[in-house]
Amino acid sequence: MPQIIPTAEPFLLLGDRSKPACLLIHGFTGTPKEMRWMGDYLNEKGYTCLGVRLAGHATDPEDMIRSNWTDWTASVEDGYSLLRSLTDRIFLIGLSMGGVLSLLMSTRLKALGVVAMSTPYKLPDDPRLRHIDWIAKIVSYMPKGSEEPGAGWFDKEAFKEHVSYPQNPVRSIGQLNQLLGEMRAALPKVNVPVLLIHSKDDAYVLPENMERIFADLKTSDKKKQFVTGSGHVVTRDAARRQVFEAALEFIQRVENRLES
């Protein structure tokens, strides 16, 4: 039985039943902990927040290797179904791959809106992607980057408490690539309000990804917001307060419009 890494557990924070709920979705190789501070912030404002654990995450990298992208969408659907026992008004809020899942699943589930942060449009061009499943049979893991771990973080103390798998499982990169293809195909079908947030200082998923997602969205209610002084994990890094406030403003705007 897989053991969840301490402090990386999923969480449910109950709020005001008259308000919408927020489904918080972490990123590739990450854990619900990435979304906990954001959940705490939104819960203090009265919103019920569920931080889901995506299949294969927050336990052991071998579990992730055995997971497919459809398992990750199923994890989101499970969390959504749990929240539906409390309310039928739900926002999908995701970081990185969680943003990919939020955008995609908004076309499959009834959602009030989407907040997608640090979200990739596609993986960087690499000829190895065409043969990723074959490569995965030979090489199990790849480094996340050429820099030292934490080099892209502005809040070094927050990085010390960050929990994620130290390397990228190669087979899972192929699954992420497939998921991104599903998201790109779904972007023109998204018909709910969307807020995109990205750090100009994100060296892991470059800011141009947000521009490409924004261009493909056909929804009449879409907004993009840049922050600075943060790396990729904007929900934990130094600009997190600005990110939380932007998300709250978006949620309240959509909520108020529906009630008026």
Foldseek 3Di string as FASTA:
>chain_A
DFDFAPPQDKDKQAFALVAAAEEEEEAAQFGLNLCVVLCVVVRVVGHIYTRWGQFQHRTDVVRLLPDFLVSRLVRSVVSLVVCVVRPLEYEQEYAAVSLLSRLLCVLVHPYQEYEYELYALADPDDPCLVVLVVVLVVDQWDALDDDDPPPLFLPSVLSVVGDGDRTHGSSVSNRSRVSSVSSLVCQCVNAHAYEYEYECSAPRRHPVRVVVSVVNHPHPHYYYYYDYNGYRSCCRGDNNVVVSVVVVVVSVVSVVVVVD
